[in-house]
């Protein structure tokens, strides 16, 4: 079985190359090729010896989400329908959106195929949960969007985890991907330019607050009372507003963090 390299951290790649009997620093070279240079074909990784590239082609893989269809908009935005999965993962389809604006571009990505939270206003809820995405499938959406639109990129890239799925219910894979996004030696996005949106999964909020490096946190409220929110978002019955707001009050803020509350969204 081929070893999937996309989504692996620098430490995981170093361990992988050590297991092959190669110097561990080869992991850092491949990490740079993937996330800085965006080279997704082993043959194009010229910072790695040719003999090792040939071996990787036989023993490893780099599996990007496959574009099924592009839906361009008049404002320059592009909605992508991706196919994911294959030999090691259940096939599924997800969507991402690339949104350019003067001085920046924003990429909205998915963390699950479908969703189990069942918000009554959300079309994704009708799918139910198909499966969690891997870290490679999550970061891959960002890499494909950047590579596809490389001719028009501006210096600032924002990523919002607001597509299909509830990120807090796929926490480990989501944060593995986010750490690569925020790593100065990886995709090198500023933490203030990455936002994770949740329906209000309190244990996930508490866990995120303990991360040394973390993205912005957005919480979808959509109602100002438990009665209204219960009707729209069944997750509120498990984590009602008082419990959710208490978690927000206890959430550790850092410089440049803000707390904004309105009927629709709470941003931390």
C-alpha atoms as a PDB file:
ATOM      1  CA  UNK A   1       0.000   0.000   0.000  1.00  0.00           C
ATOM      2  CA  UNK A   2       1.334   3.431  -0.920  1.00  0.00           C
ATOM      3  CA  UNK A   3       2.008   5.862   1.920  1.00  0.00           C
ATOM      4  CA  UNK A   4       0.098   9.130   1.488  1.00  0.00           C
ATOM      5  CA  UNK A   5       2.390  12.099   2.131  1.00  0.00           C
ATOM      6  CA  UNK A   6      -0.039  14.992   1.690  1.00  0.00           C
ATOM      7  CA  UNK A   7      -1.220  16.190   5.098  1.00  0.00           C
ATOM      8  CA  UNK A   8       1.788  14.864   6.992  1.00  0.00           C
ATOM      9  CA  UNK A   9       3.597  17.279   9.276  1.00  0.00           C
ATOM     10  CA  UNK A  10       7.319  17.976   9.002  1.00  0.00           C
ATOM     11  CA  UNK A  11       7.965  15.628  11.941  1.00  0.00           C
ATOM     12  CA  UNK A  12       5.863  12.874  10.362  1.00  0.00           C
ATOM     13  CA  UNK A  13       7.745  13.229   7.089  1.00  0.00           C
ATOM     14  CA  UNK A  14      11.084  13.093   8.883  1.00  0.00           C
ATOM     15  CA  UNK A  15       9.997   9.887  10.615  1.00  0.00           C
ATOM     16  CA  UNK A  16       8.817   8.446   7.293  1.00  0.00           C
ATOM     17  CA  UNK A  17      12.153   9.047   5.601  1.00  0.00           C
ATOM     18  CA  UNK A  18      14.039   7.694   8.587  1.00  0.00           C
ATOM     19  CA  UNK A  19      11.948   4.514   8.258  1.00  0.00           C
ATOM     20  CA  UNK A  20      13.198   4.230   4.665  1.00  0.00           C
ATOM     21  CA  UNK A  21      16.795   4.432   5.852  1.00  0.00           C
ATOM     22  CA  UNK A  22      17.117   7.952   4.425  1.00  0.00           C
ATOM     23  CA  UNK A  23      18.415  11.023   6.273  1.00  0.00           C
ATOM     24  CA  UNK A  24      15.595  12.577   8.274  1.00  0.00           C
ATOM     25  CA  UNK A  25      16.232  15.965   6.654  1.00  0.00           C
ATOM     26  CA  UNK A  26      14.713  14.582   3.451  1.00  0.00           C
ATOM     27  CA  UNK A  27      11.391  15.046   5.233  1.00  0.00           C
ATOM     28  CA  UNK A  28      11.979  18.779   5.510  1.00  0.00           C
ATOM     29  CA  UNK A  29      12.873  18.908   1.813  1.00  0.00           C
ATOM     30  CA  UNK A  30       9.645  17.180   0.766  1.00  0.00           C
ATOM     31  CA  UNK A  31       7.658  19.294   3.239  1.00  0.00           C
ATOM     32  CA  UNK A  32       8.995  22.428   1.546  1.00  0.00           C
ATOM     33  CA  UNK A  33       8.343  21.018  -1.923  1.00  0.00           C
ATOM     34  CA  UNK A  34       4.716  20.278  -1.032  1.00  0.00           C
ATOM     35  CA  UNK A  35       3.649  23.323   0.950  1.00  0.00           C
ATOM     36  CA  UNK A  36       5.976  26.136  -0.142  1.00  0.00           C
ATOM     37  CA  UNK A  37       6.819  25.271  -3.738  1.00  0.00           C
ATOM     38  CA  UNK A  38       3.538  23.387  -4.341  1.00  0.00           C
ATOM     39  CA  UNK A  39       5.154  20.543  -6.268  1.00  0.00           C
ATOM     40  CA  UNK A  40       2.812  17.564  -6.289  1.00  0.00           C
ATOM     41  CA  UNK A  41       4.733  15.268  -8.633  1.00  0.00           C
ATOM     42  CA  UNK A  42       7.784  13.536  -7.200  1.00  0.00           C
ATOM     43  CA  UNK A  43       9.590  14.038 -10.515  1.00  0.00           C
ATOM     44  CA  UNK A  44       9.294  17.821 -10.042  1.00  0.00           C
ATOM     45  CA  UNK A  45      10.891  17.796  -6.575  1.00  0.00           C
ATOM     46  CA  UNK A  46      14.332  18.832  -7.740  1.00  0.00           C
ATOM     47  CA  UNK A  47      15.532  19.421  -4.178  1.00  0.00           C
ATOM     48  CA  UNK A  48      15.463  15.625  -3.693  1.00  0.00           C
ATOM     49  CA  UNK A  49      17.951  13.219  -5.380  1.00  0.00           C
ATOM     50  CA  UNK A  50      16.666  11.503  -8.520  1.00  0.00           C
ATOM     51  CA  UNK A  51      17.094   8.010  -7.073  1.00  0.00           C
ATOM     52  CA  UNK A  52      14.927   8.913  -4.084  1.00  0.00           C
ATOM     53  CA  UNK A  53      12.292  10.515  -6.324  1.00  0.00           C
ATOM     54  CA  UNK A  54      12.052   7.260  -8.242  1.00  0.00           C
ATOM     55  CA  UNK A  55      11.682   5.290  -5.012  1.00  0.00           C
ATOM     56  CA  UNK A  56       8.976   7.653  -3.736  1.00  0.00           C
ATOM     57  CA  UNK A  57       7.025   7.197  -6.954  1.00  0.00           C
ATOM     58  CA  UNK A  58       6.872   3.476  -6.156  1.00  0.00           C
ATOM     59  CA  UNK A  59       6.257   3.642  -2.401  1.00  0.00           C
ATOM     60  CA  UNK A  60       4.376   6.876  -1.706  1.00  0.00           C
ATOM     61  CA  UNK A  61       1.633   9.076  -3.133  1.00  0.00           C
ATOM     62  CA  UNK A  62       0.470  12.693  -3.192  1.00  0.00           C
ATOM     63  CA  UNK A  63      -3.291  12.697  -3.651  1.00  0.00           C
ATOM     64  CA  UNK A  64      -4.901  16.079  -4.248  1.00  0.00           C
ATOM     65  CA  UNK A  65      -8.678  16.555  -4.375  1.00  0.00           C
ATOM     66  CA  UNK A  66      -9.740  16.015  -7.995  1.00  0.00           C
ATOM     67  CA  UNK A  67     -11.698  18.803  -9.660  1.00  0.00           C
ATOM     68  CA  UNK A  68     -15.000  17.470 -10.993  1.00  0.00           C
ATOM     69  CA  UNK A  69     -16.396  20.843 -12.019  1.00  0.00           C
ATOM     70  CA  UNK A  70     -15.747  24.559 -11.649  1.00  0.00           C
ATOM     71  CA  UNK A  71     -18.592  27.024 -11.144  1.00  0.00           C
ATOM     72  CA  UNK A  72     -17.244  30.526 -11.945  1.00  0.00           C
ATOM     73  CA  UNK A  73     -19.110  33.653 -10.831  1.00  0.00           C
ATOM     74  CA  UNK A  74     -19.239  37.109 -12.392  1.00  0.00           C
ATOM     75  CA  UNK A  75     -17.328  38.526  -9.401  1.00  0.00           C
ATOM     76  CA  UNK A  76     -14.364  36.240 -10.110  1.00  0.00           C
ATOM     77  CA  UNK A  77     -15.189  33.680  -7.427  1.00  0.00           C
ATOM     78  CA  UNK A  78     -14.916  30.005  -8.340  1.00  0.00           C
ATOM     79  CA  UNK A  79     -16.816  27.241  -6.576  1.00  0.00           C
ATOM     80  CA  UNK A  80     -15.078  23.882  -6.913  1.00  0.00           C
ATOM     81  CA  UNK A  81     -16.751  20.493  -6.791  1.00  0.00           C
ATOM     82  CA  UNK A  82     -14.058  18.054  -5.706  1.00  0.00           C
ATOM     83  CA  UNK A  83     -13.938  14.279  -5.715  1.00  0.00           C
ATOM     84  CA  UNK A  84     -11.912  12.761  -2.881  1.00  0.00           C
ATOM     85  CA  UNK A  85     -11.013   9.279  -1.728  1.00  0.00           C
ATOM     86  CA  UNK A  86      -9.750   6.279  -3.592  1.00  0.00           C
ATOM     87  CA  UNK A  87      -7.728   3.254  -2.604  1.00  0.00           C
ATOM     88  CA  UNK A  88      -7.456   4.123   1.104  1.00  0.00           C
ATOM     89  CA  UNK A  89     -10.510   6.301   1.732  1.00  0.00           C
ATOM     90  CA  UNK A  90     -14.209   6.116   0.900  1.00  0.00           C
ATOM     91  CA  UNK A  91     -14.987   8.169  -2.252  1.00  0.00           C
ATOM     92  CA  UNK A  92     -17.001  11.322  -1.653  1.00  0.00           C
ATOM     93  CA  UNK A  93     -17.592  14.791  -3.072  1.00  0.00           C
ATOM     94  CA  UNK A  94     -17.025  18.113  -1.338  1.00  0.00           C
ATOM     95  CA  UNK A  95     -17.045  21.785  -2.291  1.00  0.00           C
ATOM     96  CA  UNK A  96     -14.648  24.698  -1.793  1.00  0.00           C
ATOM     97  CA  UNK A  97     -14.784  28.310  -2.940  1.00  0.00           C
ATOM     98  CA  UNK A  98     -12.004  30.661  -4.096  1.00  0.00           C
ATOM     99  CA  UNK A  99     -13.022  34.311  -3.627  1.00  0.00           C
ATOM    100  CA  UNK A 100     -10.691  37.028  -4.938  1.00  0.00           C
ATOM    101  CA  UNK A 101     -10.963  40.627  -3.811  1.00  0.00           C
ATOM    102  CA  UNK A 102      -8.667  43.591  -4.206  1.00  0.00           C
ATOM    103  CA  UNK A 103      -5.608  42.955  -2.063  1.00  0.00           C
ATOM    104  CA  UNK A 104      -6.515  39.465  -0.908  1.00  0.00           C
ATOM    105  CA  UNK A 105      -8.107  36.128  -1.702  1.00  0.00           C
ATOM    106  CA  UNK A 106     -10.242  33.997   0.591  1.00  0.00           C
ATOM    107  CA  UNK A 107     -10.595  30.223   0.310  1.00  0.00           C
ATOM    108  CA  UNK A 108     -13.560  28.524   1.986  1.00  0.00           C
ATOM    109  CA  UNK A 109     -12.914  24.827   2.613  1.00  0.00           C
ATOM    110  CA  UNK A 110     -14.696  21.732   3.934  1.00  0.00           C
ATOM    111  CA  UNK A 111     -13.628  19.490   6.816  1.00  0.00           C
ATOM    112  CA  UNK A 112     -16.169  16.684   6.400  1.00  0.00           C
ATOM    113  CA  UNK A 113     -18.133  15.191   3.524  1.00  0.00           C
ATOM    114  CA  UNK A 114     -21.673  15.897   4.625  1.00  0.00           C
ATOM    115  CA  UNK A 115     -22.438  16.792   8.239  1.00  0.00           C
ATOM    116  CA  UNK A 116     -24.143  15.208  11.231  1.00  0.00           C
ATOM    117  CA  UNK A 117     -25.077  18.413  13.087  1.00  0.00           C
ATOM    118  CA  UNK A 118     -28.386  18.805  11.196  1.00  0.00           C
ATOM    119  CA  UNK A 119     -28.801  22.589  11.182  1.00  0.00           C
ATOM    120  CA  UNK A 120     -32.220  22.996   9.587  1.00  0.00           C
ATOM    121  CA  UNK A 121     -31.232  25.867   7.292  1.00  0.00           C
ATOM    122  CA  UNK A 122     -28.218  24.023   5.829  1.00  0.00           C
ATOM    123  CA  UNK A 123     -28.336  21.972   2.624  1.00  0.00           C
ATOM    124  CA  UNK A 124     -25.311  19.941   3.707  1.00  0.00           C
ATOM    125  CA  UNK A 125     -27.376  18.631   6.630  1.00  0.00           C
ATOM    126  CA  UNK A 126     -29.577  16.771   4.139  1.00  0.00           C
ATOM    127  CA  UNK A 127     -26.585  14.587   3.219  1.00  0.00           C
ATOM    128  CA  UNK A 128     -25.938  13.401   6.737  1.00  0.00           C
ATOM    129  CA  UNK A 129     -22.349  12.590   7.600  1.00  0.00           C
ATOM    130  CA  UNK A 130     -20.613  10.657   4.821  1.00  0.00           C
ATOM    131  CA  UNK A 131     -17.169  10.693   6.424  1.00  0.00           C
ATOM    132  CA  UNK A 132     -14.464  12.832   7.963  1.00  0.00           C
ATOM    133  CA  UNK A 133     -11.822  14.278   5.679  1.00  0.00           C
ATOM    134  CA  UNK A 134      -8.153  13.500   6.185  1.00  0.00           C
ATOM    135  CA  UNK A 135      -5.648  16.248   6.900  1.00  0.00           C
ATOM    136  CA  UNK A 136      -4.399  15.858   3.323  1.00  0.00           C
ATOM    137  CA  UNK A 137      -7.893  16.292   1.901  1.00  0.00           C
ATOM    138  CA  UNK A 138      -8.392  19.436   3.984  1.00  0.00           C
ATOM    139  CA  UNK A 139      -5.062  21.124   3.169  1.00  0.00           C
ATOM    140  CA  UNK A 140      -5.353  19.867  -0.405  1.00  0.00           C
ATOM    141  CA  UNK A 141      -8.332  22.143  -1.046  1.00  0.00           C
ATOM    142  CA  UNK A 142      -6.193  25.167  -0.189  1.00  0.00           C
ATOM    143  CA  UNK A 143      -3.266  23.981  -2.295  1.00  0.00           C
ATOM    144  CA  UNK A 144      -5.411  23.296  -5.375  1.00  0.00           C
ATOM    145  CA  UNK A 145      -7.096  26.706  -5.143  1.00  0.00           C
ATOM    146  CA  UNK A 146      -3.754  28.481  -4.777  1.00  0.00           C
ATOM    147  CA  UNK A 147      -2.161  26.553  -7.624  1.00  0.00           C
ATOM    148  CA  UNK A 148      -5.153  26.969  -9.947  1.00  0.00           C
ATOM    149  CA  UNK A 149      -5.217  30.727  -9.404  1.00  0.00           C
ATOM    150  CA  UNK A 150      -1.488  31.352  -9.038  1.00  0.00           C
ATOM    151  CA  UNK A 151      -1.385  33.975 -11.810  1.00  0.00           C
ATOM    152  CA  UNK A 152      -3.719  36.313  -9.906  1.00  0.00           C
ATOM    153  CA  UNK A 153      -2.713  35.757  -6.289  1.00  0.00           C
ATOM    154  CA  UNK A 154      -2.155  38.740  -4.018  1.00  0.00           C
ATOM    155  CA  UNK A 155       0.109  38.629  -0.936  1.00  0.00           C
ATOM    156  CA  UNK A 156      -2.725  38.021   1.554  1.00  0.00           C
ATOM    157  CA  UNK A 157      -4.553  34.699   1.627  1.00  0.00           C
ATOM    158  CA  UNK A 158      -7.420  34.073   4.034  1.00  0.00           C
ATOM    159  CA  UNK A 159      -8.784  30.599   4.738  1.00  0.00           C
ATOM    160  CA  UNK A 160     -12.161  29.998   6.347  1.00  0.00           C
ATOM    161  CA  UNK A 161     -13.169  26.528   7.496  1.00  0.00           C
ATOM    162  CA  UNK A 162     -16.838  27.131   6.792  1.00  0.00           C
ATOM    163  CA  UNK A 163     -17.611  24.636   4.029  1.00  0.00           C
ATOM    164  CA  UNK A 164     -19.169  21.214   4.478  1.00  0.00           C
ATOM    165  CA  UNK A 165     -18.966  19.679   7.918  1.00  0.00           C
ATOM    166  CA  UNK A 166     -18.359  20.617  11.544  1.00  0.00           C
ATOM    167  CA  UNK A 167     -14.592  21.112  12.068  1.00  0.00           C
ATOM    168  CA  UNK A 168     -14.773  20.381  15.802  1.00  0.00           C
ATOM    169  CA  UNK A 169     -16.169  16.902  15.076  1.00  0.00           C
ATOM    170  CA  UNK A 170     -13.095  16.159  12.952  1.00  0.00           C
ATOM    171  CA  UNK A 171     -10.732  17.944  15.290  1.00  0.00           C
ATOM    172  CA  UNK A 172      -7.482  16.015  14.890  1.00  0.00           C
ATOM    173  CA  UNK A 173      -7.414  16.049  11.080  1.00  0.00           C
ATOM    174  CA  UNK A 174      -8.644  19.639  10.947  1.00  0.00           C
ATOM    175  CA  UNK A 175      -5.965  20.912  13.292  1.00  0.00           C
ATOM    176  CA  UNK A 176      -3.260  18.855  11.577  1.00  0.00           C
ATOM    177  CA  UNK A 177      -4.152  20.705   8.372  1.00  0.00           C
ATOM    178  CA  UNK A 178      -4.413  24.082  10.145  1.00  0.00           C
ATOM    179  CA  UNK A 179      -0.959  23.649  11.697  1.00  0.00           C
ATOM    180  CA  UNK A 180       0.504  23.192   8.209  1.00  0.00           C
ATOM    181  CA  UNK A 181      -1.363  26.308   7.029  1.00  0.00           C
ATOM    182  CA  UNK A 182       0.018  28.351   9.942  1.00  0.00           C
ATOM    183  CA  UNK A 183       3.555  26.930   9.888  1.00  0.00           C
ATOM    184  CA  UNK A 184       6.026  29.602   8.675  1.00  0.00           C
ATOM    185  CA  UNK A 185       7.880  26.764   6.925  1.00  0.00           C
ATOM    186  CA  UNK A 186       4.623  25.398   5.483  1.00  0.00           C
ATOM    187  CA  UNK A 187       1.868  27.370   3.768  1.00  0.00           C
ATOM    188  CA  UNK A 188       2.858  30.274   6.054  1.00  0.00           C
ATOM    189  CA  UNK A 189      -0.527  31.905   6.614  1.00  0.00           C
ATOM    190  CA  UNK A 190      -0.892  34.309   9.539  1.00  0.00           C
ATOM    191  CA  UNK A 191      -3.126  32.930  12.329  1.00  0.00           C
ATOM    192  CA  UNK A 192      -5.344  36.017  12.060  1.00  0.00           C
ATOM    193  CA  UNK A 193      -6.031  35.118   8.419  1.00  0.00           C
ATOM    194  CA  UNK A 194      -7.413  31.647   9.175  1.00  0.00           C
ATOM    195  CA  UNK A 195     -10.847  31.229  10.757  1.00  0.00           C
ATOM    196  CA  UNK A 196     -12.457  28.045  12.026  1.00  0.00           C
ATOM    197  CA  UNK A 197     -16.252  28.139  12.219  1.00  0.00           C
ATOM    198  CA  UNK A 198     -18.233  25.895  14.566  1.00  0.00           C
ATOM    199  CA  UNK A 199     -21.908  25.397  15.332  1.00  0.00           C
ATOM    200  CA  UNK A 200     -20.973  25.515  19.020  1.00  0.00           C
ATOM    201  CA  UNK A 201     -19.260  22.249  19.988  1.00  0.00           C
ATOM    202  CA  UNK A 202     -18.131  23.247  23.486  1.00  0.00           C
ATOM    203  CA  UNK A 203     -15.489  20.519  24.054  1.00  0.00           C
ATOM    204  CA  UNK A 204     -13.873  21.485  20.756  1.00  0.00           C
ATOM    205  CA  UNK A 205     -13.858  25.169  21.712  1.00  0.00           C
ATOM    206  CA  UNK A 206     -12.191  24.294  25.017  1.00  0.00           C
ATOM    207  CA  UNK A 207      -9.648  22.117  23.254  1.00  0.00           C
ATOM    208  CA  UNK A 208      -8.856  24.794  20.680  1.00  0.00           C
ATOM    209  CA  UNK A 209      -8.223  27.285  23.454  1.00  0.00           C
ATOM    210  CA  UNK A 210      -5.314  25.109  24.643  1.00  0.00           C
ATOM    211  CA  UNK A 211      -3.535  25.144  21.268  1.00  0.00           C
ATOM    212  CA  UNK A 212      -0.260  27.096  21.254  1.00  0.00           C
ATOM    213  CA  UNK A 213      -0.916  28.396  17.748  1.00  0.00           C
ATOM    214  CA  UNK A 214      -4.513  28.613  16.680  1.00  0.00           C
ATOM    215  CA  UNK A 215      -6.755  30.251  14.100  1.00  0.00           C
ATOM    216  CA  UNK A 216      -9.563  32.699  14.730  1.00  0.00           C
ATOM    217  CA  UNK A 217     -12.731  31.101  16.074  1.00  0.00           C
ATOM    218  CA  UNK A 218     -16.192  31.866  14.698  1.00  0.00           C
ATOM    219  CA  UNK A 219     -19.338  30.479  16.301  1.00  0.00           C
ATOM    220  CA  UNK A 220     -22.574  30.279  14.331  1.00  0.00           C
ATOM    221  CA  UNK A 221     -25.445  31.394  16.568  1.00  0.00           C
ATOM    222  CA  UNK A 222     -28.360  32.182  14.212  1.00  0.00           C
ATOM    223  CA  UNK A 223     -30.723  32.856  17.125  1.00  0.00           C
ATOM    224  CA  UNK A 224     -30.719  34.794  20.379  1.00  0.00           C
ATOM    225  CA  UNK A 225     -32.788  32.411  22.537  1.00  0.00           C
ATOM    226  CA  UNK A 226     -32.577  28.706  23.290  1.00  0.00           C
ATOM    227  CA  UNK A 227     -36.107  28.179  22.009  1.00  0.00           C
ATOM    228  CA  UNK A 228     -35.269  29.688  18.611  1.00  0.00           C
ATOM    229  CA  UNK A 229     -31.877  28.025  18.413  1.00  0.00           C
ATOM    230  CA  UNK A 230     -33.252  24.606  19.402  1.00  0.00           C
ATOM    231  CA  UNK A 231     -35.599  24.815  16.416  1.00  0.00           C
ATOM    232  CA  UNK A 232     -32.856  25.821  13.985  1.00  0.00           C
ATOM    233  CA  UNK A 233     -29.827  24.010  15.383  1.00  0.00           C
ATOM    234  CA  UNK A 234     -30.496  20.815  17.369  1.00  0.00           C
ATOM    235  CA  UNK A 235     -26.918  20.925  18.705  1.00  0.00           C
ATOM    236  CA  UNK A 236     -28.172  23.696  21.020  1.00  0.00           C
ATOM    237  CA  UNK A 237     -30.042  21.075  23.053  1.00  0.00           C
ATOM    238  CA  UNK A 238     -26.675  19.563  23.976  1.00  0.00           C
ATOM    239  CA  UNK A 239     -24.779  22.836  24.317  1.00  0.00           C
ATOM    240  CA  UNK A 240     -27.365  25.558  25.095  1.00  0.00           C
ATOM    241  CA  UNK A 241     -26.542  29.240  24.872  1.00  0.00           C
ATOM    242  CA  UNK A 242     -25.571  29.627  28.531  1.00  0.00           C
ATOM    243  CA  UNK A 243     -23.056  26.774  28.260  1.00  0.00           C
ATOM    244  CA  UNK A 244     -21.761  28.029  24.922  1.00  0.00           C
ATOM    245  CA  UNK A 245     -21.345  31.621  26.123  1.00  0.00           C
ATOM    246  CA  UNK A 246     -19.607  30.417  29.289  1.00  0.00           C
ATOM    247  CA  UNK A 247     -17.092  28.573  27.081  1.00  0.00           C
ATOM    248  CA  UNK A 248     -16.593  31.797  25.118  1.00  0.00           C
ATOM    249  CA  UNK A 249     -16.021  33.818  28.284  1.00  0.00           C
ATOM    250  CA  UNK A 250     -13.377  31.307  29.376  1.00  0.00           C
ATOM    251  CA  UNK A 251     -11.734  31.147  25.941  1.00  0.00           C
ATOM    252  CA  UNK A 252      -8.228  32.655  26.231  1.00  0.00           C
ATOM    253  CA  UNK A 253      -7.860  35.751  24.065  1.00  0.00           C
ATOM    254  CA  UNK A 254      -4.574  36.876  22.596  1.00  0.00           C
ATOM    255  CA  UNK A 255      -3.403  40.144  21.042  1.00  0.00           C
ATOM    256  CA  UNK A 256      -5.436  40.934  17.905  1.00  0.00           C
ATOM    257  CA  UNK A 257      -8.231  38.589  18.993  1.00  0.00           C
ATOM    258  CA  UNK A 258     -11.679  40.172  19.120  1.00  0.00           C
ATOM    259  CA  UNK A 259     -14.984  39.107  20.565  1.00  0.00           C
ATOM    260  CA  UNK A 260     -17.967  40.085  18.450  1.00  0.00           C
ATOM    261  CA  UNK A 261     -21.484  38.902  19.191  1.00  0.00           C
ATOM    262  CA  UNK A 262     -24.587  39.301  17.092  1.00  0.00           C
ATOM    263  CA  UNK A 263     -27.581  37.204  16.151  1.00  0.00           C
ATOM    264  CA  UNK A 264     -25.698  35.384  13.438  1.00  0.00           C
ATOM    265  CA  UNK A 265     -22.113  34.820  14.441  1.00  0.00           C
ATOM    266  CA  UNK A 266     -19.790  35.123  17.408  1.00  0.00           C
ATOM    267  CA  UNK A 267     -16.147  35.645  16.446  1.00  0.00           C
ATOM    268  CA  UNK A 268     -13.322  35.055  18.929  1.00  0.00           C
END
